[in-house]
mmCIF file of all heavy atoms, coordinates in Angstrom:
data_MODEL
# 
_entry.id   MODEL 
# 
loop_
_atom_site.group_PDB 
_atom_site.id 
_atom_site.type_symbol 
_atom_site.label_atom_id 
_atom_site.label_alt_id 
_atom_site.label_comp_id 
_atom_site.label_asym_id 
_atom_site.label_entity_id 
_atom_site.label_seq_id 
_atom_site.pdbx_PDB_ins_code 
_atom_site.Cartn_x 
_atom_site.Cartn_y 
_atom_site.Cartn_z 
_atom_site.occupancy 
_atom_site.B_iso_or_equiv 
_atom_site.pdbx_formal_charge 
_atom_site.auth_seq_id 
_atom_site.auth_comp_id 
_atom_site.auth_asym_id 
_atom_site.auth_atom_id 
_atom_site.pdbx_PDB_model_num 
ATOM 1   N N   . ASN A 1 1  ? -129.204 65.126 -105.264 1.00 0.00 ? 1  ASN A N   1 
ATOM 2   C CA  . ASN A 1 1  ? -129.062 66.725 -104.979 1.00 0.00 ? 1  ASN A CA  1 
ATOM 3   C C   . ASN A 1 1  ? -129.107 66.996 -103.568 1.00 0.00 ? 1  ASN A C   1 
ATOM 4   O O   . ASN A 1 1  ? -129.425 66.207 -102.706 1.00 0.00 ? 1  ASN A O   1 
ATOM 5   C CB  . ASN A 1 1  ? -130.160 67.404 -105.721 1.00 0.00 ? 1  ASN A CB  1 
ATOM 6   C CG  . ASN A 1 1  ? -130.271 67.140 -107.128 1.00 0.00 ? 1  ASN A CG  1 
ATOM 7   O OD1 . ASN A 1 1  ? -129.184 67.056 -107.848 1.00 0.00 ? 1  ASN A OD1 1 
ATOM 8   N ND2 . ASN A 1 1  ? -131.496 67.224 -107.700 1.00 0.00 ? 1  ASN A ND2 1 
ATOM 9   N N   . ASN A 1 2  ? -128.500 68.179 -103.190 1.00 0.00 ? 2  ASN A N   1 
ATOM 10  C CA  . ASN A 1 2  ? -128.406 68.686 -101.820 1.00 0.00 ? 2  ASN A CA  1 
ATOM 11  C C   . ASN A 1 2  ? -127.808 67.576 -100.924 1.00 0.00 ? 2  ASN A C   1 
ATOM 12  O O   . ASN A 1 2  ? -128.405 67.192 -99.918  1.00 0.00 ? 2  ASN A O   1 
ATOM 13  C CB  . ASN A 1 2  ? -129.760 68.970 -101.302 1.00 0.00 ? 2  ASN A CB  1 
ATOM 14  C CG  . ASN A 1 2  ? -129.778 69.707 -99.985  1.00 0.00 ? 2  ASN A CG  1 
ATOM 15  O OD1 . ASN A 1 2  ? -128.630 70.238 -99.481  1.00 0.00 ? 2  ASN A OD1 1 
ATOM 16  N ND2 . ASN A 1 2  ? -130.891 69.694 -99.232  1.00 0.00 ? 2  ASN A ND2 1 
ATOM 17  N N   . LEU A 1 3  ? -126.625 67.028 -101.428 1.00 0.00 ? 3  LEU A N   1 
ATOM 18  C CA  . LEU A 1 3  ? -126.106 65.921 -100.637 1.00 0.00 ? 3  LEU A CA  1 
ATOM 19  C C   . LEU A 1 3  ? -125.521 66.350 -99.303  1.00 0.00 ? 3  LEU A C   1 
ATOM 20  O O   . LEU A 1 3  ? -125.128 67.567 -99.102  1.00 0.00 ? 3  LEU A O   1 
ATOM 21  C CB  . LEU A 1 3  ? -124.886 65.328 -101.484 1.00 0.00 ? 3  LEU A CB  1 
ATOM 22  C CG  . LEU A 1 3  ? -125.210 64.476 -102.558 1.00 0.00 ? 3  LEU A CG  1 
ATOM 23  C CD1 . LEU A 1 3  ? -124.185 64.493 -103.596 1.00 0.00 ? 3  LEU A CD1 1 
ATOM 24  C CD2 . LEU A 1 3  ? -125.606 63.126 -102.039 1.00 0.00 ? 3  LEU A CD2 1 
ATOM 25  N N   . LYS A 1 4  ? -125.626 65.368 -98.266  1.00 0.00 ? 4  LYS A N   1 
ATOM 26  C CA  . LYS A 1 4  ? -125.285 65.697 -96.945  1.00 0.00 ? 4  LYS A CA  1 
ATOM 27  C C   . LYS A 1 4  ? -124.109 64.777 -96.488  1.00 0.00 ? 4  LYS A C   1 
ATOM 28  O O   . LYS A 1 4  ? -123.966 63.585 -97.129  1.00 0.00 ? 4  LYS A O   1 
ATOM 29  C CB  . LYS A 1 4  ? -126.540 65.440 -96.039  1.00 0.00 ? 4  LYS A CB  1 
ATOM 30  C CG  . LYS A 1 4  ? -127.556 66.294 -96.323  1.00 0.00 ? 4  LYS A CG  1 
ATOM 31  C CD  . LYS A 1 4  ? -128.898 65.972 -95.538  1.00 0.00 ? 4  LYS A CD  1 
ATOM 32  C CE  . LYS A 1 4  ? -130.088 66.780 -95.895  1.00 0.00 ? 4  LYS A CE  1 
ATOM 33  N NZ  . LYS A 1 4  ? -131.253 66.416 -95.100  1.00 0.00 ? 4  LYS A NZ  1 
ATOM 34  N N   . PRO A 1 5  ? -123.318 65.138 -95.572  1.00 0.00 ? 5  PRO A N   1 
ATOM 35  C CA  . PRO A 1 5  ? -122.220 64.177 -95.097  1.00 0.00 ? 5  PRO A CA  1 
ATOM 36  C C   . PRO A 1 5  ? -122.697 62.768 -94.795  1.00 0.00 ? 5  PRO A C   1 
ATOM 37  O O   . PRO A 1 5  ? -122.024 61.809 -94.996  1.00 0.00 ? 5  PRO A O   1 
ATOM 38  C CB  . PRO A 1 5  ? -121.608 64.882 -93.920  1.00 0.00 ? 5  PRO A CB  1 
ATOM 39  C CG  . PRO A 1 5  ? -121.936 66.318 -94.145  1.00 0.00 ? 5  PRO A CG  1 
ATOM 40  C CD  . PRO A 1 5  ? -123.272 66.432 -94.780  1.00 0.00 ? 5  PRO A CD  1 
ATOM 41  N N   . GLU A 1 6  ? -123.890 62.720 -94.249  1.00 0.00 ? 6  GLU A N   1 
ATOM 42  C CA  . GLU A 1 6  ? -124.598 61.383 -93.905  1.00 0.00 ? 6  GLU A CA  1 
ATOM 43  C C   . GLU A 1 6  ? -124.931 60.503 -95.190  1.00 0.00 ? 6  GLU A C   1 
ATOM 44  O O   . GLU A 1 6  ? -125.292 59.300 -94.929  1.00 0.00 ? 6  GLU A O   1 
ATOM 45  C CB  . GLU A 1 6  ? -125.808 61.466 -92.905  1.00 0.00 ? 6  GLU A CB  1 
ATOM 46  C CG  . GLU A 1 6  ? -126.813 62.487 -93.502  1.00 0.00 ? 6  GLU A CG  1 
ATOM 47  C CD  . GLU A 1 6  ? -126.645 63.884 -92.812  1.00 0.00 ? 6  GLU A CD  1 
ATOM 48  O OE1 . GLU A 1 6  ? -125.559 64.388 -92.740  1.00 0.00 ? 6  GLU A OE1 1 
ATOM 49  O OE2 . GLU A 1 6  ? -127.703 64.520 -92.491  1.00 0.00 ? 6  GLU A OE2 1 
ATOM 50  N N   . ASP A 1 7  ? -124.816 61.088 -96.332  1.00 0.00 ? 7  ASP A N   1 
ATOM 51  C CA  . ASP A 1 7  ? -125.041 60.440 -97.576  1.00 0.00 ? 7  ASP A CA  1 
ATOM 52  C C   . ASP A 1 7  ? -123.742 59.643 -97.950  1.00 0.00 ? 7  ASP A C   1 
ATOM 53  O O   . ASP A 1 7  ? -123.813 58.860 -98.846  1.00 0.00 ? 7  ASP A O   1 
ATOM 54  C CB  . ASP A 1 7  ? -125.462 61.204 -98.769  1.00 0.00 ? 7  ASP A CB  1 
ATOM 55  C CG  . ASP A 1 7  ? -126.839 61.871 -98.409  1.00 0.00 ? 7  ASP A CG  1 
ATOM 56  O OD1 . ASP A 1 7  ? -127.732 61.268 -97.984  1.00 0.00 ? 7  ASP A OD1 1 
ATOM 57  O OD2 . ASP A 1 7  ? -127.018 63.104 -98.763  1.00 0.00 ? 7  ASP A OD2 1 
ATOM 58  N N   . THR A 1 8  ? -122.654 59.858 -97.237  1.00 0.00 ? 8  THR A N   1 
ATOM 59  C CA  . THR A 1 8  ? -121.356 59.143 -97.613  1.00 0.00 ? 8  THR A CA  1 
ATOM 60  C C   . THR A 1 8  ? -121.526 57.720 -97.453  1.00 0.00 ? 8  THR A C   1 
ATOM 61  O O   . THR A 1 8  ? -121.927 57.256 -96.391  1.00 0.00 ? 8  THR A O   1 
ATOM 62  C CB  . THR A 1 8  ? -120.281 59.775 -96.708  1.00 0.00 ? 8  THR A CB  1 
ATOM 63  O OG1 . THR A 1 8  ? -119.930 61.082 -97.011  1.00 0.00 ? 8  THR A OG1 1 
ATOM 64  C CG2 . THR A 1 8  ? -119.056 58.942 -96.979  1.00 0.00 ? 8  THR A CG2 1 
ATOM 65  N N   . ALA A 1 9  ? -121.246 56.861 -98.449  1.00 0.00 ? 9  ALA A N   1 
ATOM 66  C CA  . ALA A 1 9  ? -121.414 55.515 -98.433  1.00 0.00 ? 9  ALA A CA  1 
ATOM 67  C C   . ALA A 1 9  ? -120.904 54.892 -99.885  1.00 0.00 ? 9  ALA A C   1 
ATOM 68  O O   . ALA A 1 9  ? -120.691 55.621 -100.705 1.00 0.00 ? 9  ALA A O   1 
ATOM 69  C CB  . ALA A 1 9  ? -122.850 55.058 -98.235  1.00 0.00 ? 9  ALA A CB  1 
ATOM 70  N N   . VAL A 1 10 ? -120.903 53.615 -99.818  1.00 0.00 ? 10 VAL A N   1 
ATOM 71  C CA  . VAL A 1 10 ? -120.710 52.987 -101.157 1.00 0.00 ? 10 VAL A CA  1 
ATOM 72  C C   . VAL A 1 10 ? -122.124 52.684 -101.676 1.00 0.00 ? 10 VAL A C   1 
ATOM 73  O O   . VAL A 1 10 ? -122.888 52.214 -100.942 1.00 0.00 ? 10 VAL A O   1 
ATOM 74  C CB  . VAL A 1 10 ? -119.995 51.625 -100.934 1.00 0.00 ? 10 VAL A CB  1 
ATOM 75  C CG1 . VAL A 1 10 ? -119.946 50.816 -102.322 1.00 0.00 ? 10 VAL A CG1 1 
ATOM 76  C CG2 . VAL A 1 10 ? -118.490 51.879 -100.460 1.00 0.00 ? 10 VAL A CG2 1 
ATOM 77  N N   . TYR A 1 11 ? -122.349 53.088 -102.894 1.00 0.00 ? 11 TYR A N   1 
ATOM 78  C CA  . TYR A 1 11 ? -123.600 52.943 -103.432 1.00 0.00 ? 11 TYR A CA  1 
ATOM 79  C C   . TYR A 1 11 ? -123.736 51.767 -104.394 1.00 0.00 ? 11 TYR A C   1 
ATOM 80  O O   . TYR A 1 11 ? -122.916 51.616 -105.306 1.00 0.00 ? 11 TYR A O   1 
ATOM 81  C CB  . TYR A 1 11 ? -124.077 54.235 -104.155 1.00 0.00 ? 11 TYR A CB  1 
ATOM 82  C CG  . TYR A 1 11 ? -124.574 55.352 -103.224 1.00 0.00 ? 11 TYR A CG  1 
ATOM 83  C CD1 . TYR A 1 11 ? -123.620 55.908 -102.339 1.00 0.00 ? 11 TYR A CD1 1 
ATOM 84  C CD2 . TYR A 1 11 ? -125.899 55.684 -103.129 1.00 0.00 ? 11 TYR A CD2 1 
ATOM 85  C CE1 . TYR A 1 11 ? -124.024 56.893 -101.477 1.00 0.00 ? 11 TYR A CE1 1 
ATOM 86  C CE2 . TYR A 1 11 ? -126.361 56.587 -102.291 1.00 0.00 ? 11 TYR A CE2 1 
ATOM 87  C CZ  . TYR A 1 11 ? -125.341 57.263 -101.312 1.00 0.00 ? 11 TYR A CZ  1 
ATOM 88  O OH  . TYR A 1 11 ? -125.780 58.268 -100.523 1.00 0.00 ? 11 TYR A OH  1 
ATOM 89  N N   . LEU A 1 12 ? -124.649 50.833 -104.189 1.00 0.00 ? 12 LEU A N   1 
ATOM 90  C CA  . LEU A 1 12 ? -124.747 49.542 -105.010 1.00 0.00 ? 12 LEU A CA  1 
ATOM 91  C C   . LEU A 1 12 ? -125.916 49.537 -105.770 1.00 0.00 ? 12 LEU A C   1 
ATOM 92  O O   . LEU A 1 12 ? -127.032 49.883 -105.331 1.00 0.00 ? 12 LEU A O   1 
ATOM 93  C CB  . LEU A 1 12 ? -124.454 48.430 -104.085 1.00 0.00 ? 12 LEU A CB  1 
ATOM 94  C CG  . LEU A 1 12 ? -123.274 48.301 -103.230 1.00 0.00 ? 12 LEU A CG  1 
ATOM 95  C CD1 . LEU A 1 12 ? -123.558 48.583 -101.731 1.00 0.00 ? 12 LEU A CD1 1 
ATOM 96  C CD2 . LEU A 1 12 ? -122.530 47.026 -103.423 1.00 0.00 ? 12 LEU A CD2 1 
ATOM 97  N N   . CYS A 1 13 ? -125.806 49.139 -107.011 1.00 0.00 ? 13 CYS A N   1 
ATOM 98  C CA  . CYS A 1 13 ? -126.877 48.781 -107.943 1.00 0.00 ? 13 CYS A CA  1 
ATOM 99  C C   . CYS A 1 13 ? -127.424 47.390 -107.676 1.00 0.00 ? 13 CYS A C   1 
ATOM 100 O O   . CYS A 1 13 ? -126.665 46.451 -107.494 1.00 0.00 ? 13 CYS A O   1 
ATOM 101 C CB  . CYS A 1 13 ? -126.497 49.103 -109.349 1.00 0.00 ? 13 CYS A CB  1 
ATOM 102 S SG  . CYS A 1 13 ? -127.758 48.823 -110.553 1.00 0.00 ? 13 CYS A SG  1 
ATOM 103 N N   . ASN A 1 14 ? -128.780 47.216 -107.656 1.00 0.00 ? 14 ASN A N   1 
ATOM 104 C CA  . ASN A 1 14 ? -129.416 46.068 -107.439 1.00 0.00 ? 14 ASN A CA  1 
ATOM 105 C C   . ASN A 1 14 ? -130.414 45.687 -108.742 1.00 0.00 ? 14 ASN A C   1 
ATOM 106 O O   . ASN A 1 14 ? -131.118 46.633 -108.990 1.00 0.00 ? 14 ASN A O   1 
ATOM 107 C CB  . ASN A 1 14 ? -130.120 45.899 -106.163 1.00 0.00 ? 14 ASN A CB  1 
ATOM 108 C CG  . ASN A 1 14 ? -130.902 44.642 -105.978 1.00 0.00 ? 14 ASN A CG  1 
ATOM 109 O OD1 . ASN A 1 14 ? -132.066 44.662 -106.245 1.00 0.00 ? 14 ASN A OD1 1 
ATOM 110 N ND2 . ASN A 1 14 ? -130.390 43.512 -105.639 1.00 0.00 ? 14 ASN A ND2 1 
ATOM 111 N N   . ALA A 1 15 ? -130.437 44.485 -109.062 1.00 0.00 ? 15 ALA A N   1 
ATOM 112 C CA  . ALA A 1 15 ? -131.446 44.038 -110.019 1.00 0.00 ? 15 ALA A CA  1 
ATOM 113 C C   . ALA A 1 15 ? -132.148 42.846 -109.438 1.00 0.00 ? 15 ALA A C   1 
ATOM 114 O O   . ALA A 1 15 ? -131.418 41.811 -109.033 1.00 0.00 ? 15 ALA A O   1 
ATOM 115 C CB  . ALA A 1 15 ? -130.810 43.741 -111.446 1.00 0.00 ? 15 ALA A CB  1 
ATOM 116 N N   . ALA A 1 16 ? -133.382 42.778 -109.218 1.00 0.00 ? 16 ALA A N   1 
ATOM 117 C CA  . ALA A 1 16 ? -134.153 41.755 -108.613 1.00 0.00 ? 16 ALA A CA  1 
ATOM 118 C C   . ALA A 1 16 ? -135.159 41.141 -109.509 1.00 0.00 ? 16 ALA A C   1 
ATOM 119 O O   . ALA A 1 16 ? -135.983 41.928 -110.232 1.00 0.00 ? 16 ALA A O   1 
ATOM 120 C CB  . ALA A 1 16 ? -134.715 42.244 -107.291 1.00 0.00 ? 16 ALA A CB  1 
ATOM 121 N N   . GLN A 1 17 ? -135.182 39.831 -109.626 1.00 0.00 ? 17 GLN A N   1 
ATOM 122 C CA  . GLN A 1 17 ? -136.301 39.121 -110.093 1.00 0.00 ? 17 GLN A CA  1 
ATOM 123 C C   . GLN A 1 17 ? -136.622 38.082 -109.267 1.00 0.00 ? 17 GLN A C   1 
ATOM 124 O O   . GLN A 1 17 ? -135.817 37.498 -108.460 1.00 0.00 ? 17 GLN A O   1 
ATOM 125 C CB  . GLN A 1 17 ? -135.901 38.748 -111.624 1.00 0.00 ? 17 GLN A CB  1 
ATOM 126 C CG  . GLN A 1 17 ? -134.693 37.654 -111.659 1.00 0.00 ? 17 GLN A CG  1 
ATOM 127 C CD  . GLN A 1 17 ? -134.269 37.424 -113.130 1.00 0.00 ? 17 GLN A CD  1 
ATOM 128 O OE1 . GLN A 1 17 ? -134.031 38.260 -113.906 1.00 0.00 ? 17 GLN A OE1 1 
ATOM 129 N NE2 . GLN A 1 17 ? -134.355 36.096 -113.476 1.00 0.00 ? 17 GLN A NE2 1 
ATOM 130 N N   . LEU A 1 18 ? -137.676 37.253 -109.609 1.00 0.00 ? 18 LEU A N   1 
ATOM 131 C CA  . LEU A 1 18 ? -138.154 36.248 -108.705 1.00 0.00 ? 18 LEU A CA  1 
ATOM 132 C C   . LEU A 1 18 ? -137.047 35.132 -108.542 1.00 0.00 ? 18 LEU A C   1 
ATOM 133 O O   . LEU A 1 18 ? -136.628 34.623 -109.539 1.00 0.00 ? 18 LEU A O   1 
ATOM 134 C CB  . LEU A 1 18 ? -139.403 35.385 -109.440 1.00 0.00 ? 18 LEU A CB  1 
ATOM 135 C CG  . LEU A 1 18 ? -140.131 34.538 -108.513 1.00 0.00 ? 18 LEU A CG  1 
ATOM 136 C CD1 . LEU A 1 18 ? -140.623 35.196 -107.236 1.00 0.00 ? 18 LEU A CD1 1 
ATOM 137 C CD2 . LEU A 1 18 ? -141.178 33.832 -109.264 1.00 0.00 ? 18 LEU A CD2 1 
ATOM 138 N N   . GLY A 1 19 ? -136.648 35.018 -107.240 1.00 0.00 ? 19 GLY A N   1 
ATOM 139 C CA  . GLY A 1 19 ? -135.639 34.081 -106.943 1.00 0.00 ? 19 GLY A CA  1 
ATOM 140 C C   . GLY A 1 19 ? -134.272 34.426 -107.198 1.00 0.00 ? 19 GLY A C   1 
ATOM 141 O O   . GLY A 1 19 ? -133.308 33.670 -106.884 1.00 0.00 ? 19 GLY A O   1 
ATOM 142 N N   . SER A 1 20 ? -133.962 35.587 -107.636 1.00 0.00 ? 20 SER A N   1 
ATOM 143 C CA  . SER A 1 20 ? -132.541 36.085 -107.840 1.00 0.00 ? 20 SER A CA  1 
ATOM 144 C C   . SER A 1 20 ? -132.417 37.493 -107.638 1.00 0.00 ? 20 SER A C   1 
ATOM 145 O O   . SER A 1 20 ? -133.245 38.389 -107.894 1.00 0.00 ? 20 SER A O   1 
ATOM 146 C CB  . SER A 1 20 ? -132.103 35.804 -109.481 1.00 0.00 ? 20 SER A CB  1 
ATOM 147 O OG  . SER A 1 20 ? -132.332 34.385 -109.762 1.00 0.00 ? 20 SER A OG  1 
ATOM 148 N N   . ASP A 1 21 ? -131.206 37.712 -107.072 1.00 0.00 ? 21 ASP A N   1 
ATOM 149 C CA  . ASP A 1 21 ? -130.793 39.146 -106.786 1.00 0.00 ? 21 ASP A CA  1 
ATOM 150 C C   . ASP A 1 21 ? -129.328 39.298 -107.458 1.00 0.00 ? 21 ASP A C   1 
ATOM 151 O O   . ASP A 1 21 ? -128.500 38.445 -107.221 1.00 0.00 ? 21 ASP A O   1 
ATOM 152 C CB  . ASP A 1 21 ? -130.579 39.405 -105.263 1.00 0.00 ? 21 ASP A CB  1 
ATOM 153 C CG  . ASP A 1 21 ? -131.712 40.151 -104.742 1.00 0.00 ? 21 ASP A CG  1 
ATOM 154 O OD1 . ASP A 1 21 ? -132.083 41.164 -105.421 1.00 0.00 ? 21 ASP A OD1 1 
ATOM 155 O OD2 . ASP A 1 21 ? -132.215 39.877 -103.714 1.00 0.00 ? 21 ASP A OD2 1 
ATOM 156 N N   . TYR A 1 22 ? -129.110 40.425 -108.084 1.00 0.00 ? 22 TYR A N   1 
ATOM 157 C CA  . TYR A 1 22 ? -127.855 40.681 -108.687 1.00 0.00 ? 22 TYR A CA  1 
ATOM 158 C C   . TYR A 1 22 ? -127.338 42.045 -108.145 1.00 0.00 ? 22 TYR A C   1 
ATOM 159 O O   . TYR A 1 22 ? -128.138 43.013 -107.940 1.00 0.00 ? 22 TYR A O   1 
ATOM 160 C CB  . TYR A 1 22 ? -127.881 40.707 -110.250 1.00 0.00 ? 22 TYR A CB  1 
ATOM 161 C CG  . TYR A 1 22 ? -128.391 39.520 -110.803 1.00 0.00 ? 22 TYR A CG  1 
ATOM 162 C CD1 . TYR A 1 22 ? -129.844 39.386 -111.093 1.00 0.00 ? 22 TYR A CD1 1 
ATOM 163 C CD2 . TYR A 1 22 ? -127.637 38.336 -111.029 1.00 0.00 ? 22 TYR A CD2 1 
ATOM 164 C CE1 . TYR A 1 22 ? -130.381 38.182 -111.657 1.00 0.00 ? 22 TYR A CE1 1 
ATOM 165 C CE2 . TYR A 1 22 ? -128.185 37.245 -111.604 1.00 0.00 ? 22 TYR A CE2 1 
ATOM 166 C CZ  . TYR A 1 22 ? -129.611 37.128 -111.823 1.00 0.00 ? 22 TYR A CZ  1 
ATOM 167 O OH  . TYR A 1 22 ? -129.971 35.958 -112.367 1.00 0.00 ? 22 TYR A OH  1 
ATOM 168 N N   . TRP A 1 23 ? -125.972 42.129 -107.928 1.00 0.00 ? 23 TRP A N   1 
ATOM 169 C CA  . TRP A 1 23 ? -125.423 43.345 -107.434 1.00 0.00 ? 23 TRP A CA  1 
ATOM 170 C C   . TRP A 1 23 ? -124.170 43.731 -108.116 1.00 0.00 ? 23 TRP A C   1 
ATOM 171 O O   . TRP A 1 23 ? -123.391 43.032 -108.694 1.00 0.00 ? 23 TRP A O   1 
ATOM 172 C CB  . TRP A 1 23 ? -124.892 42.980 -105.941 1.00 0.00 ? 23 TRP A CB  1 
ATOM 173 C CG  . TRP A 1 23 ? -126.037 42.790 -105.042 1.00 0.00 ? 23 TRP A CG  1 
ATOM 174 C CD1 . TRP A 1 23 ? -126.509 41.546 -104.648 1.00 0.00 ? 23 TRP A CD1 1 
ATOM 175 C CD2 . TRP A 1 23 ? -126.861 43.607 -104.237 1.00 0.00 ? 23 TRP A CD2 1 
ATOM 176 N NE1 . TRP A 1 23 ? -127.593 41.731 -103.741 1.00 0.00 ? 23 TRP A NE1 1 
ATOM 177 C CE2 . TRP A 1 23 ? -127.769 43.010 -103.451 1.00 0.00 ? 23 TRP A CE2 1 
ATOM 178 C CE3 . TRP A 1 23 ? -126.811 44.981 -104.182 1.00 0.00 ? 23 TRP A CE3 1 
ATOM 179 C CZ2 . TRP A 1 23 ? -128.660 43.641 -102.703 1.00 0.00 ? 23 TRP A CZ2 1 
ATOM 180 C CZ3 . TRP A 1 23 ? -127.674 45.703 -103.271 1.00 0.00 ? 23 TRP A CZ3 1 
ATOM 181 C CH2 . TRP A 1 23 ? -128.589 44.955 -102.511 1.00 0.00 ? 23 TRP A CH2 1 
ATOM 182 N N   . GLY A 1 24 ? -124.091 45.085 -108.301 1.00 0.00 ? 24 GLY A N   1 
ATOM 183 C CA  . GLY A 1 24 ? -122.807 45.539 -108.893 1.00 0.00 ? 24 GLY A CA  1 
ATOM 184 C C   . GLY A 1 24 ? -121.678 45.679 -107.764 1.00 0.00 ? 24 GLY A C   1 
ATOM 185 O O   . GLY A 1 24 ? -121.964 45.349 -106.623 1.00 0.00 ? 24 GLY A O   1 
ATOM 186 N N   . GLN A 1 25 ? -120.532 46.120 -108.300 1.00 0.00 ? 25 GLN A N   1 
ATOM 187 C CA  . GLN A 1 25 ? -119.442 46.248 -107.285 1.00 0.00 ? 25 GLN A CA  1 
ATOM 188 C C   . GLN A 1 25 ? -119.500 47.509 -106.395 1.00 0.00 ? 25 GLN A C   1 
ATOM 189 O O   . GLN A 1 25 ? -118.851 47.589 -105.346 1.00 0.00 ? 25 GLN A O   1 
ATOM 190 C CB  . GLN A 1 25 ? -118.064 46.434 -108.092 1.00 0.00 ? 25 GLN A CB  1 
ATOM 191 C CG  . GLN A 1 25 ? -117.765 45.221 -108.992 1.00 0.00 ? 25 GLN A CG  1 
ATOM 192 C CD  . GLN A 1 25 ? -117.326 44.010 -108.150 1.00 0.00 ? 25 GLN A CD  1 
ATOM 193 O OE1 . GLN A 1 25 ? -116.962 44.095 -106.930 1.00 0.00 ? 25 GLN A OE1 1 
ATOM 194 N NE2 . GLN A 1 25 ? -117.270 42.886 -108.639 1.00 0.00 ? 25 GLN A NE2 1 
# 
């Protein structure tokens, strides 16, 4: 909410578990 121009970016989802990291596109 109340988005600002400085919020402009590619937003990526992350899932983390011990020893592994997964990323969306």
